[in-house]
Amino acid sequence: MNQSPEKEYGVSLDRREKAILTGVTDVERFDESEIVLHTHGGRLTLTGSGLHVSSLQLTEGRLLVDGAIDGMLYDGGAPRRRGSFLRRALG
């Protein structure tokens, strides 16, 4: 079976003040407290305060963010399992 290679994506975080994201395909929305974007790895939400998109290069799939970054959450990529570990283990 011929499978295409997975496209690369990544996040580099420097002291929770600067983030470099690669594999970015779209920016859904952004403001000073939240940036929602799409990468080859799924939907990613950055949260914090004073967030600022300092550079966006969609042709290269690169995004630079400055500000106080408090959290990152991927929504997508790996399939989610149903129920907690204990519930699955105990049936």
PDB file of N, CA and C in Angstrom:
ATOM      1  N   MET A   1       0.840  -1.177   0.000  1.00  0.00           N
ATOM      2  CA  MET A   1       0.000   0.000   0.000  1.00  0.00           C
ATOM      3  C   MET A   1       0.882   1.235   0.000  1.00  0.00           C
ATOM      4  N   ASN A   2       0.604   2.193  -0.863  1.00  0.00           N
ATOM      5  CA  ASN A   2       1.387   3.414  -0.981  1.00  0.00           C
ATOM      6  C   ASN A   2       0.791   4.496  -0.089  1.00  0.00           C
ATOM      7  N   GLN A   3       1.537   4.887   0.939  1.00  0.00           N
ATOM      8  CA  GLN A   3       1.064   5.922   1.855  1.00  0.00           C
ATOM      9  C   GLN A   3       1.897   7.179   1.664  1.00  0.00           C
ATOM     10  N   SER A   4       1.245   8.337   1.654  1.00  0.00           N
ATOM     11  CA  SER A   4       1.995   9.580   1.557  1.00  0.00           C
ATOM     12  C   SER A   4       2.607   9.897   2.919  1.00  0.00           C
ATOM     13  N   PRO A   5       3.794  10.513   2.931  1.00  0.00           N
ATOM     14  CA  PRO A   5       4.423  10.833   4.215  1.00  0.00           C
ATOM     15  C   PRO A   5       3.632  11.886   4.966  1.00  0.00           C
ATOM     16  N   GLU A   6       3.667  11.794   6.288  1.00  0.00           N
ATOM     17  CA  GLU A   6       2.965  12.767   7.131  1.00  0.00           C
ATOM     18  C   GLU A   6       3.670  14.114   7.031  1.00  0.00           C
ATOM     19  N   LYS A   7       2.898  15.165   6.905  1.00  0.00           N
ATOM     20  CA  LYS A   7       3.471  16.500   6.813  1.00  0.00           C
ATOM     21  C   LYS A   7       3.944  16.928   8.196  1.00  0.00           C
ATOM     22  N   GLU A   8       5.061  17.632   8.230  1.00  0.00           N
ATOM     23  CA  GLU A   8       5.671  18.025   9.493  1.00  0.00           C
ATOM     24  C   GLU A   8       4.999  19.251  10.093  1.00  0.00           C
ATOM     25  N   TYR A   9       5.031  19.312  11.414  1.00  0.00           N
ATOM     26  CA  TYR A   9       4.526  20.456  12.172  1.00  0.00           C
ATOM     27  C   TYR A   9       5.230  20.461  13.511  1.00  0.00           C
ATOM     28  N   GLY A  10       5.274  21.621  14.154  1.00  0.00           N
ATOM     29  CA  GLY A  10       5.945  21.679  15.441  1.00  0.00           C
ATOM     30  C   GLY A  10       5.727  23.007  16.147  1.00  0.00           C
ATOM     31  N   VAL A  11       6.121  23.006  17.421  1.00  0.00           N
ATOM     32  CA  VAL A  11       6.027  24.198  18.251  1.00  0.00           C
ATOM     33  C   VAL A  11       7.335  24.330  19.015  1.00  0.00           C
ATOM     34  N   SER A  12       7.900  25.521  18.978  1.00  0.00           N
ATOM     35  CA  SER A  12       9.078  25.831  19.772  1.00  0.00           C
ATOM     36  C   SER A  12       8.692  26.996  20.683  1.00  0.00           C
ATOM     37  N   LEU A  13       8.863  26.796  21.991  1.00  0.00           N
ATOM     38  CA  LEU A  13       8.453  27.801  22.974  1.00  0.00           C
ATOM     39  C   LEU A  13       9.681  28.298  23.725  1.00  0.00           C
ATOM     40  N   ASP A  14       9.871  29.612  23.750  1.00  0.00           N
ATOM     41  CA  ASP A  14      11.011  30.217  24.423  1.00  0.00           C
ATOM     42  C   ASP A  14      10.526  30.997  25.640  1.00  0.00           C
ATOM     43  N   ARG A  15      10.779  30.468  26.827  1.00  0.00           N
ATOM     44  CA  ARG A  15      10.441  31.096  28.112  1.00  0.00           C
ATOM     45  C   ARG A  15       8.988  31.542  28.220  1.00  0.00           C
ATOM     46  N   ARG A  16       8.101  30.831  27.520  1.00  0.00           N
ATOM     47  CA  ARG A  16       6.662  31.143  27.533  1.00  0.00           C
ATOM     48  C   ARG A  16       6.380  32.574  27.077  1.00  0.00           C
ATOM     49  N   GLU A  17       7.335  33.167  26.342  1.00  0.00           N
ATOM     50  CA  GLU A  17       7.175  34.532  25.849  1.00  0.00           C
ATOM     51  C   GLU A  17       7.132  34.603  24.336  1.00  0.00           C
ATOM     52  N   LYS A  18       7.702  33.604  23.663  1.00  0.00           N
ATOM     53  CA  LYS A  18       7.731  33.571  22.203  1.00  0.00           C
ATOM     54  C   LYS A  18       7.492  32.143  21.746  1.00  0.00           C
ATOM     55  N   ALA A  19       6.693  32.009  20.699  1.00  0.00           N
ATOM     56  CA  ALA A  19       6.440  30.689  20.126  1.00  0.00           C
ATOM     57  C   ALA A  19       6.659  30.755  18.624  1.00  0.00           C
ATOM     58  N   ILE A  20       7.300  29.719  18.106  1.00  0.00           N
ATOM     59  CA  ILE A  20       7.463  29.548  16.669  1.00  0.00           C
ATOM     60  C   ILE A  20       6.701  28.289  16.311  1.00  0.00           C
ATOM     61  N   LEU A  21       5.714  28.411  15.437  1.00  0.00           N
ATOM     62  CA  LEU A  21       4.890  27.270  15.039  1.00  0.00           C
ATOM     63  C   LEU A  21       5.122  26.995  13.561  1.00  0.00           C
ATOM     64  N   THR A  22       5.271  25.727  13.218  1.00  0.00           N
ATOM     65  CA  THR A  22       5.453  25.328  11.831  1.00  0.00           C
ATOM     66  C   THR A  22       4.348  24.354  11.441  1.00  0.00           C
ATOM     67  N   GLY A  23       4.146  24.218  10.159  1.00  0.00           N
ATOM     68  CA  GLY A  23       3.077  23.354   9.669  1.00  0.00           C
ATOM     69  C   GLY A  23       1.713  24.003   9.784  1.00  0.00           C
ATOM     70  N   VAL A  24       1.672  25.323   9.899  1.00  0.00           N
ATOM     71  CA  VAL A  24       0.416  26.069  10.044  1.00  0.00           C
ATOM     72  C   VAL A  24      -0.267  26.153   8.676  1.00  0.00           C
ATOM     73  N   THR A  25      -1.548  25.799   8.649  1.00  0.00           N
ATOM     74  CA  THR A  25      -2.309  25.856   7.396  1.00  0.00           C
ATOM     75  C   THR A  25      -3.341  26.980   7.383  1.00  0.00           C
ATOM     76  N   ASP A  26      -3.779  27.442   8.563  1.00  0.00           N
ATOM     77  CA  ASP A  26      -4.790  28.491   8.629  1.00  0.00           C
ATOM     78  C   ASP A  26      -4.842  29.054  10.045  1.00  0.00           C
ATOM     79  N   VAL A  27      -5.165  30.335  10.163  1.00  0.00           N
ATOM     80  CA  VAL A  27      -5.422  30.956  11.464  1.00  0.00           C
ATOM     81  C   VAL A  27      -6.912  31.236  11.515  1.00  0.00           C
ATOM     82  N   GLU A  28      -7.591  30.565  12.442  1.00  0.00           N
ATOM     83  CA  GLU A  28      -9.048  30.692  12.563  1.00  0.00           C
ATOM     84  C   GLU A  28      -9.447  32.025  13.180  1.00  0.00           C
ATOM     85  N   ARG A  29      -8.800  32.366  14.301  1.00  0.00           N
ATOM     86  CA  ARG A  29      -9.085  33.643  14.960  1.00  0.00           C
ATOM     87  C   ARG A  29      -7.983  33.932  15.969  1.00  0.00           C
ATOM     88  N   PHE A  30      -7.870  35.206  16.332  1.00  0.00           N
ATOM     89  CA  PHE A  30      -6.894  35.573  17.349  1.00  0.00           C
ATOM     90  C   PHE A  30      -7.285  36.875  18.014  1.00  0.00           C
ATOM     91  N   ASP A  31      -6.923  36.985  19.274  1.00  0.00           N
ATOM     92  CA  ASP A  31      -7.027  38.233  20.024  1.00  0.00           C
ATOM     93  C   ASP A  31      -5.918  38.198  21.069  1.00  0.00           C
ATOM     94  N   GLU A  32      -5.927  39.109  22.010  1.00  0.00           N
ATOM     95  CA  GLU A  32      -4.843  39.200  22.987  1.00  0.00           C
ATOM     96  C   GLU A  32      -4.795  38.045  23.980  1.00  0.00           C
ATOM     97  N   SER A  33      -5.882  37.255  24.072  1.00  0.00           N
ATOM     98  CA  SER A  33      -5.900  36.172  25.058  1.00  0.00           C
ATOM     99  C   SER A  33      -5.975  34.771  24.438  1.00  0.00           C
ATOM    100  N   GLU A  34      -6.228  34.684  23.115  1.00  0.00           N
ATOM    101  CA  GLU A  34      -6.370  33.360  22.510  1.00  0.00           C
ATOM    102  C   GLU A  34      -6.083  33.414  21.009  1.00  0.00           C
ATOM    103  N   ILE A  35      -5.345  32.421  20.541  1.00  0.00           N
ATOM    104  CA  ILE A  35      -5.086  32.265  19.115  1.00  0.00           C
ATOM    105  C   ILE A  35      -5.485  30.840  18.745  1.00  0.00           C
ATOM    106  N   VAL A  36      -6.371  30.702  17.774  1.00  0.00           N
ATOM    107  CA  VAL A  36      -6.828  29.390  17.316  1.00  0.00           C
ATOM    108  C   VAL A  36      -6.359  29.221  15.878  1.00  0.00           C
ATOM    109  N   LEU A  37      -5.605  28.161  15.632  1.00  0.00           N
ATOM    110  CA  LEU A  37      -5.061  27.937  14.307  1.00  0.00           C
ATOM    111  C   LEU A  37      -5.121  26.461  13.945  1.00  0.00           C
ATOM    112  N   HIS A  38      -4.889  26.178  12.679  1.00  0.00           N
ATOM    113  CA  HIS A  38      -4.888  24.803  12.190  1.00  0.00           C
ATOM    114  C   HIS A  38      -3.489  24.465  11.690  1.00  0.00           C
ATOM    115  N   THR A  39      -3.017  23.270  12.055  1.00  0.00           N
ATOM    116  CA  THR A  39      -1.716  22.785  11.611  1.00  0.00           C
ATOM    117  C   THR A  39      -1.919  21.420  10.969  1.00  0.00           C
ATOM    118  N   HIS A  40      -0.841  20.881  10.422  1.00  0.00           N
ATOM    119  CA  HIS A  40      -0.908  19.530   9.867  1.00  0.00           C
ATOM    120  C   HIS A  40      -1.198  18.501  10.964  1.00  0.00           C
ATOM    121  N   GLY A  41      -1.016  18.878  12.236  1.00  0.00           N
ATOM    122  CA  GLY A  41      -1.277  17.986  13.355  1.00  0.00           C
ATOM    123  C   GLY A  41      -2.642  18.175  13.985  1.00  0.00           C
ATOM    124  N   GLY A  42      -3.442  19.093  13.471  1.00  0.00           N
ATOM    125  CA  GLY A  42      -4.766  19.336  14.030  1.00  0.00           C
ATOM    126  C   GLY A  42      -4.945  20.782  14.436  1.00  0.00           C
ATOM    127  N   ARG A  43      -6.050  21.026  15.096  1.00  0.00           N
ATOM    128  CA  ARG A  43      -6.403  22.375  15.558  1.00  0.00           C
ATOM    129  C   ARG A  43      -5.641  22.656  16.849  1.00  0.00           C
ATOM    130  N   LEU A  44      -5.029  23.828  16.939  1.00  0.00           N
ATOM    131  CA  LEU A  44      -4.218  24.199  18.093  1.00  0.00           C
ATOM    132  C   LEU A  44      -4.724  25.522  18.649  1.00  0.00           C
ATOM    133  N   THR A  45      -4.906  25.568  19.972  1.00  0.00           N
ATOM    134  CA  THR A  45      -5.317  26.797  20.653  1.00  0.00           C
ATOM    135  C   THR A  45      -4.203  27.221  21.599  1.00  0.00           C
ATOM    136  N   LEU A  46      -3.741  28.452  21.436  1.00  0.00           N
ATOM    137  CA  LEU A  46      -2.778  29.059  22.357  1.00  0.00           C
ATOM    138  C   LEU A  46      -3.536  30.033  23.238  1.00  0.00           C
ATOM    139  N   THR A  47      -3.280  30.004  24.537  1.00  0.00           N
ATOM    140  CA  THR A  47      -3.925  30.940  25.458  1.00  0.00           C
ATOM    141  C   THR A  47      -2.863  31.711  26.227  1.00  0.00           C
ATOM    142  N   GLY A  48      -3.235  32.889  26.691  1.00  0.00           N
ATOM    143  CA  GLY A  48      -2.320  33.701  27.463  1.00  0.00           C
ATOM    144  C   GLY A  48      -2.819  35.120  27.575  1.00  0.00           C
ATOM    145  N   SER A  49      -1.880  36.062  27.691  1.00  0.00           N
ATOM    146  CA  SER A  49      -2.246  37.476  27.760  1.00  0.00           C
ATOM    147  C   SER A  49      -1.248  38.277  26.932  1.00  0.00           C
ATOM    148  N   GLY A  50      -1.749  39.336  26.345  1.00  0.00           N
ATOM    149  CA  GLY A  50      -0.903  40.169  25.501  1.00  0.00           C
ATOM    150  C   GLY A  50      -0.368  39.440  24.282  1.00  0.00           C
ATOM    151  N   LEU A  51      -1.119  38.450  23.789  1.00  0.00           N
ATOM    152  CA  LEU A  51      -0.655  37.677  22.635  1.00  0.00           C
ATOM    153  C   LEU A  51      -0.676  38.539  21.379  1.00  0.00           C
ATOM    154  N   HIS A  52       0.362  38.398  20.586  1.00  0.00           N
ATOM    155  CA  HIS A  52       0.518  39.197  19.372  1.00  0.00           C
ATOM    156  C   HIS A  52       1.128  38.314  18.280  1.00  0.00           C
ATOM    157  N   VAL A  53       0.476  38.277  17.130  1.00  0.00           N
ATOM    158  CA  VAL A  53       1.028  37.554  15.987  1.00  0.00           C
ATOM    159  C   VAL A  53       2.045  38.492  15.340  1.00  0.00           C
ATOM    160  N   SER A  54       3.333  38.182  15.518  1.00  0.00           N
ATOM    161  CA  SER A  54       4.362  39.077  14.985  1.00  0.00           C
ATOM    162  C   SER A  54       4.717  38.751  13.544  1.00  0.00           C
ATOM    163  N   SER A  55       4.443  37.514  13.105  1.00  0.00           N
ATOM    164  CA  SER A  55       4.715  37.151  11.716  1.00  0.00           C
ATOM    165  C   SER A  55       3.862  35.947  11.335  1.00  0.00           C
ATOM    166  N   LEU A  56       3.272  36.016  10.149  1.00  0.00           N
ATOM    167  CA  LEU A  56       2.493  34.908   9.611  1.00  0.00           C
ATOM    168  C   LEU A  56       2.914  34.706   8.161  1.00  0.00           C
ATOM    169  N   GLN A  57       3.423  33.528   7.864  1.00  0.00           N
ATOM    170  CA  GLN A  57       3.843  33.176   6.515  1.00  0.00           C
ATOM    171  C   GLN A  57       3.161  31.866   6.138  1.00  0.00           C
ATOM    172  N   LEU A  58       1.926  31.959   5.657  1.00  0.00           N
ATOM    173  CA  LEU A  58       1.151  30.755   5.345  1.00  0.00           C
ATOM    174  C   LEU A  58       1.771  29.938   4.220  1.00  0.00           C
ATOM    175  N   THR A  59       2.449  30.601   3.277  1.00  0.00           N
ATOM    176  CA  THR A  59       3.070  29.842   2.197  1.00  0.00           C
ATOM    177  C   THR A  59       4.165  28.920   2.730  1.00  0.00           C
ATOM    178  N   GLU A  60       4.803  29.326   3.823  1.00  0.00           N
ATOM    179  CA  GLU A  60       5.826  28.500   4.471  1.00  0.00           C
ATOM    180  C   GLU A  60       5.257  27.730   5.663  1.00  0.00           C
ATOM    181  N   GLY A  61       4.022  28.033   6.062  1.00  0.00           N
ATOM    182  CA  GLY A  61       3.406  27.374   7.209  1.00  0.00           C
ATOM    183  C   GLY A  61       4.018  27.771   8.529  1.00  0.00           C
ATOM    184  N   ARG A  62       4.434  29.015   8.646  1.00  0.00           N
ATOM    185  CA  ARG A  62       5.164  29.470   9.835  1.00  0.00           C
ATOM    186  C   ARG A  62       4.440  30.640  10.496  1.00  0.00           C
ATOM    187  N   LEU A  63       4.344  30.580  11.834  1.00  0.00           N
ATOM    188  CA  LEU A  63       3.688  31.621  12.624  1.00  0.00           C
ATOM    189  C   LEU A  63       4.562  31.938  13.829  1.00  0.00           C
ATOM    190  N   LEU A  64       4.777  33.238  14.098  1.00  0.00           N
ATOM    191  CA  LEU A  64       5.520  33.681  15.276  1.00  0.00           C
ATOM    192  C   LEU A  64       4.575  34.430  16.192  1.00  0.00           C
ATOM    193  N   VAL A  65       4.590  34.078  17.469  1.00  0.00           N
ATOM    194  CA  VAL A  65       3.701  34.682  18.462  1.00  0.00           C
ATOM    195  C   VAL A  65       4.529  35.205  19.624  1.00  0.00           C
ATOM    196  N   ASP A  66       4.233  36.429  20.070  1.00  0.00           N
ATOM    197  CA  ASP A  66       4.848  37.022  21.258  1.00  0.00           C
ATOM    198  C   ASP A  66       3.765  37.243  22.298  1.00  0.00           C
ATOM    199  N   GLY A  67       4.153  37.257  23.576  1.00  0.00           N
ATOM    200  CA  GLY A  67       3.223  37.517  24.667  1.00  0.00           C
ATOM    201  C   GLY A  67       3.434  36.527  25.795  1.00  0.00           C
ATOM    202  N   ALA A  68       2.599  36.593  26.802  1.00  0.00           N
ATOM    203  CA  ALA A  68       2.664  35.671  27.939  1.00  0.00           C
ATOM    204  C   ALA A  68       1.808  34.446  27.605  1.00  0.00           C
ATOM    205  N   ILE A  69       2.460  33.363  27.202  1.00  0.00           N
ATOM    206  CA  ILE A  69       1.762  32.149  26.760  1.00  0.00           C
ATOM    207  C   ILE A  69       1.539  31.239  27.966  1.00  0.00           C
ATOM    208  N   ASP A  70       0.262  30.985  28.273  1.00  0.00           N
ATOM    209  CA  ASP A  70      -0.089  30.176  29.444  1.00  0.00           C
ATOM    210  C   ASP A  70      -0.445  28.732  29.102  1.00  0.00           C
ATOM    211  N   GLY A  71      -0.921  28.493  27.883  1.00  0.00           N
ATOM    212  CA  GLY A  71      -1.338  27.137  27.558  1.00  0.00           C
ATOM    213  C   GLY A  71      -1.404  26.883  26.067  1.00  0.00           C
ATOM    214  N   MET A  72      -1.283  25.585  25.726  1.00  0.00           N
ATOM    215  CA  MET A  72      -1.422  25.127  24.349  1.00  0.00           C
ATOM    216  C   MET A  72      -2.230  23.844  24.374  1.00  0.00           C
ATOM    217  N   LEU A  73      -3.197  23.744  23.476  1.00  0.00           N
ATOM    218  CA  LEU A  73      -4.040  22.562  23.441  1.00  0.00           C
ATOM    219  C   LEU A  73      -4.288  22.154  21.995  1.00  0.00           C
ATOM    220  N   TYR A  74      -3.889  20.922  21.663  1.00  0.00           N
ATOM    221  CA  TYR A  74      -4.192  20.366  20.344  1.00  0.00           C
ATOM    222  C   TYR A  74      -5.546  19.685  20.413  1.00  0.00           C
ATOM    223  N   ASP A  75      -6.362  19.935  19.419  1.00  0.00           N
ATOM    224  CA  ASP A  75      -7.667  19.283  19.303  1.00  0.00           C
ATOM    225  C   ASP A  75      -7.688  18.603  17.945  1.00  0.00           C
ATOM    226  N   GLY A  76      -7.307  17.354  17.921  1.00  0.00           N
ATOM    227  CA  GLY A  76      -7.228  16.635  16.655  1.00  0.00           C
ATOM    228  C   GLY A  76      -5.976  15.789  16.628  1.00  0.00           C
ATOM    229  N   GLY A  77      -5.784  15.109  15.534  1.00  0.00           N
ATOM    230  CA  GLY A  77      -4.624  14.244  15.421  1.00  0.00           C
ATOM    231  C   GLY A  77      -4.963  12.852  15.878  1.00  0.00           C
ATOM    232  N   ALA A  78      -4.539  12.474  17.070  1.00  0.00           N
ATOM    233  CA  ALA A  78      -4.770  11.127  17.583  1.00  0.00           C
ATOM    234  C   ALA A  78      -6.242  10.929  17.941  1.00  0.00           C
ATOM    235  N   PRO A  79      -6.797   9.765  17.631  1.00  0.00           N
ATOM    236  CA  PRO A  79      -8.202   9.523  17.992  1.00  0.00           C
ATOM    237  C   PRO A  79      -8.383   9.490  19.497  1.00  0.00           C
ATOM    238  N   ARG A  80      -9.501  10.006  19.945  1.00  0.00           N
ATOM    239  CA  ARG A  80      -9.797  10.018  21.382  1.00  0.00           C
ATOM    240  C   ARG A  80     -10.397   8.698  21.810  1.00  0.00           C
ATOM    241  N   ARG A  81     -10.055   8.303  23.016  1.00  0.00           N
ATOM    242  CA  ARG A  81     -10.620   7.075  23.577  1.00  0.00           C
ATOM    243  C   ARG A  81     -11.844   7.412  24.394  1.00  0.00           C
ATOM    244  N   ARG A  82     -12.761   6.482  24.452  1.00  0.00           N
ATOM    245  CA  ARG A  82     -13.988   6.722  25.214  1.00  0.00           C
ATOM    246  C   ARG A  82     -13.803   6.285  26.655  1.00  0.00           C
ATOM    247  N   GLY A  83     -14.167   7.158  27.575  1.00  0.00           N
ATOM    248  CA  GLY A  83     -14.125   6.831  28.994  1.00  0.00           C
ATOM    249  C   GLY A  83     -12.731   6.942  29.578  1.00  0.00           C
ATOM    250  N   SER A  84     -12.667   6.899  30.895  1.00  0.00           N
ATOM    251  CA  SER A  84     -11.392   6.992  31.581  1.00  0.00           C
ATOM    252  C   SER A  84     -10.647   5.663  31.514  1.00  0.00           C
ATOM    253  N   PHE A  85      -9.389   5.698  31.900  1.00  0.00           N
ATOM    254  CA  PHE A  85      -8.591   4.481  31.916  1.00  0.00           C
ATOM    255  C   PHE A  85      -9.207   3.435  32.836  1.00  0.00           C
ATOM    256  N   LEU A  86      -9.623   3.830  34.039  1.00  0.00           N
ATOM    257  CA  LEU A  86     -10.223   2.880  34.973  1.00  0.00           C
ATOM    258  C   LEU A  86     -11.507   2.278  34.437  1.00  0.00           C
ATOM    259  N   ARG A  87     -12.342   3.088  33.810  1.00  0.00           N
ATOM    260  CA  ARG A  87     -13.594   2.586  33.254  1.00  0.00           C
ATOM    261  C   ARG A  87     -13.319   1.541  32.177  1.00  0.00           C
ATOM    262  N   ARG A  88     -12.322   1.814  31.307  1.00  0.00           N
ATOM    263  CA  ARG A  88     -11.987   0.850  30.251  1.00  0.00           C
ATOM    264  C   ARG A  88     -11.380  -0.409  30.854  1.00  0.00           C
ATOM    265  N   ALA A  89     -10.538  -0.269  31.909  1.00  0.00           N
ATOM    266  CA  ALA A  89      -9.861  -1.415  32.505  1.00  0.00           C
ATOM    267  C   ALA A  89     -10.842  -2.320  33.270  1.00  0.00           C
ATOM    268  N   LEU A  90     -11.834  -1.698  33.944  1.00  0.00           N
ATOM    269  CA  LEU A  90     -12.758  -2.472  34.760  1.00  0.00           C
ATOM    270  C   LEU A  90     -13.989  -2.924  33.979  1.00  0.00           C
ATOM    271  N   GLY A  91     -14.129  -2.423  32.788  1.00  0.00           N
ATOM    272  CA  GLY A  91     -15.257  -2.851  31.933  1.00  0.00           C
ATOM    273  C   GLY A  91     -16.479  -2.147  32.292  1.00  0.00           C
TER     274      GLY A  91
END
